Amino acid sequence: MVHAARQSFVDGWQQAMWAGVAVMAALFLFVLARGPKNRPAPRENRPAGAM
């Protein structure tokens, strides 16, 4: 009985970990596709003494 309980716990834990891996992979692909781009900031035309 104890062995069956441990095995069901481990099986559930493994499924939860694989679900987490799938979610993290999807988020990684989303960030690659839609995340911030390394572009230089646009220059502003301000007078020399303005803040």
N, C-alpha and C. Protein backbone atom coordinates (compact mmCIF):
# COMPACT_ATOMS: atom_id res chain seq x y z
N MET A 1 0.83 -1.19 0.00
CA MET A 1 0.00 0.00 0.00
C MET A 1 0.88 1.26 0.00
N VAL A 2 1.92 1.27 0.82
CA VAL A 2 2.80 2.43 0.88
C VAL A 2 3.51 2.62 -0.46
N HIS A 3 3.91 1.53 -1.08
CA HIS A 3 4.59 1.61 -2.38
C HIS A 3 3.66 2.23 -3.43
N ALA A 4 2.39 1.83 -3.43
CA ALA A 4 1.42 2.38 -4.39
C ALA A 4 1.22 3.88 -4.15
N ALA A 5 1.18 4.30 -2.89
CA ALA A 5 1.01 5.72 -2.58
C ALA A 5 2.22 6.51 -3.04
N ARG A 6 3.41 6.00 -2.77
CA ARG A 6 4.62 6.70 -3.22
C ARG A 6 4.68 6.78 -4.73
N GLN A 7 4.34 5.69 -5.39
CA GLN A 7 4.41 5.67 -6.86
C GLN A 7 3.41 6.66 -7.46
N SER A 8 2.21 6.75 -6.91
CA SER A 8 1.23 7.70 -7.44
C SER A 8 1.68 9.14 -7.18
N PHE A 9 2.33 9.38 -6.05
CA PHE A 9 2.86 10.71 -5.78
C PHE A 9 3.94 11.07 -6.80
N VAL A 10 4.85 10.15 -7.06
CA VAL A 10 5.94 10.41 -8.01
C VAL A 10 5.39 10.59 -9.42
N ASP A 11 4.41 9.79 -9.79
CA ASP A 11 3.81 9.94 -11.13
C ASP A 11 3.14 11.30 -11.28
N GLY A 12 2.42 11.73 -10.27
CA GLY A 12 1.78 13.05 -10.33
C GLY A 12 2.80 14.17 -10.37
N TRP A 13 3.87 14.01 -9.59
CA TRP A 13 4.92 15.02 -9.57
C TRP A 13 5.59 15.12 -10.95
N GLN A 14 5.85 13.99 -11.57
CA GLN A 14 6.48 14.00 -12.90
C GLN A 14 5.58 14.66 -13.93
N GLN A 15 4.29 14.39 -13.88
CA GLN A 15 3.36 15.03 -14.81
C GLN A 15 3.32 16.54 -14.60
N ALA A 16 3.35 16.97 -13.35
CA ALA A 16 3.35 18.40 -13.05
C ALA A 16 4.63 19.06 -13.56
N MET A 17 5.75 18.39 -13.42
CA MET A 17 7.02 18.95 -13.90
C MET A 17 7.02 19.07 -15.41
N TRP A 18 6.50 18.06 -16.12
CA TRP A 18 6.45 18.14 -17.58
C TRP A 18 5.48 19.23 -18.04
N ALA A 19 4.38 19.42 -17.31
CA ALA A 19 3.47 20.52 -17.64
C ALA A 19 4.18 21.86 -17.45
N GLY A 20 4.97 21.98 -16.40
CA GLY A 20 5.75 23.20 -16.18
C GLY A 20 6.76 23.43 -17.28
N VAL A 21 7.40 22.38 -17.74
CA VAL A 21 8.36 22.50 -18.84
C VAL A 21 7.65 22.99 -20.10
N ALA A 22 6.47 22.46 -20.37
CA ALA A 22 5.72 22.88 -21.56
C ALA A 22 5.34 24.36 -21.48
N VAL A 23 4.89 24.79 -20.31
CA VAL A 23 4.51 26.20 -20.13
C VAL A 23 5.73 27.11 -20.29
N MET A 24 6.85 26.73 -19.69
CA MET A 24 8.06 27.55 -19.79
C MET A 24 8.57 27.61 -21.23
N ALA A 25 8.48 26.51 -21.96
CA ALA A 25 8.90 26.51 -23.37
C ALA A 25 8.01 27.43 -24.19
N ALA A 26 6.71 27.39 -23.94
CA ALA A 26 5.79 28.28 -24.67
C ALA A 26 6.10 29.74 -24.35
N LEU A 27 6.35 30.05 -23.09
CA LEU A 27 6.68 31.43 -22.72
C LEU A 27 8.01 31.87 -23.32
N PHE A 28 8.97 30.97 -23.37
CA PHE A 28 10.27 31.28 -23.98
C PHE A 28 10.09 31.63 -25.46
N LEU A 29 9.30 30.83 -26.17
CA LEU A 29 9.05 31.11 -27.58
C LEU A 29 8.30 32.42 -27.76
N PHE A 30 7.37 32.72 -26.86
CA PHE A 30 6.64 33.98 -26.93
C PHE A 30 7.59 35.17 -26.76
N VAL A 31 8.48 35.07 -25.79
CA VAL A 31 9.43 36.17 -25.55
C VAL A 31 10.38 36.31 -26.74
N LEU A 32 10.81 35.22 -27.32
CA LEU A 32 11.66 35.31 -28.50
C LEU A 32 10.95 36.00 -29.66
N ALA A 33 9.67 35.71 -29.83
CA ALA A 33 8.92 36.27 -30.95
C ALA A 33 8.47 37.71 -30.69
N ARG A 34 8.03 38.01 -29.48
CA ARG A 34 7.39 39.29 -29.21
C ARG A 34 8.10 40.14 -28.18
N GLY A 35 9.22 39.67 -27.68
CA GLY A 35 9.91 40.37 -26.60
C GLY A 35 10.59 41.64 -27.05
N PRO A 36 11.28 42.28 -26.14
CA PRO A 36 11.95 43.53 -26.46
C PRO A 36 13.05 43.34 -27.51
N LYS A 37 13.20 44.31 -28.33
CA LYS A 37 14.23 44.30 -29.37
C LYS A 37 15.37 45.22 -28.93
N ASN A 38 16.57 44.89 -29.30
CA ASN A 38 17.73 45.72 -28.97
C ASN A 38 17.91 46.76 -30.07
N ARG A 39 17.15 47.81 -29.95
CA ARG A 39 17.24 48.91 -30.90
C ARG A 39 17.70 50.16 -30.17
N PRO A 40 18.48 50.99 -30.83
CA PRO A 40 18.88 52.23 -30.17
C PRO A 40 17.66 53.14 -29.94
N ALA A 41 17.69 53.85 -28.84
CA ALA A 41 16.60 54.77 -28.53
C ALA A 41 16.59 55.91 -29.53
N PRO A 42 15.40 56.36 -29.91
CA PRO A 42 15.34 57.48 -30.87
C PRO A 42 15.89 58.76 -30.26
N ARG A 43 16.59 59.53 -31.05
CA ARG A 43 17.15 60.80 -30.57
C ARG A 43 16.05 61.85 -30.55
N GLU A 44 16.10 62.64 -29.51
CA GLU A 44 15.14 63.74 -29.41
C GLU A 44 15.83 65.03 -29.78
N ASN A 45 15.13 65.89 -30.44
CA ASN A 45 15.67 67.20 -30.82
C ASN A 45 15.33 68.21 -29.73
N ARG A 46 16.18 68.29 -28.73
CA ARG A 46 15.99 69.25 -27.65
C ARG A 46 17.05 70.33 -27.76
N PRO A 47 16.69 71.53 -27.30
CA PRO A 47 17.70 72.59 -27.25
C PRO A 47 18.82 72.22 -26.28
N ALA A 48 19.96 72.81 -26.42
CA ALA A 48 21.16 72.43 -25.65
C ALA A 48 20.97 72.57 -24.14
N GLY A 49 20.25 73.53 -23.62
CA GLY A 49 20.14 73.72 -22.18
C GLY A 49 18.86 73.17 -21.58
N ALA A 50 17.99 72.56 -22.36
CA ALA A 50 16.69 72.11 -21.85
C ALA A 50 16.84 70.77 -21.13
N MET A 51 15.95 70.56 -20.14
CA MET A 51 15.95 69.30 -19.40
C MET A 51 14.87 68.40 -19.87
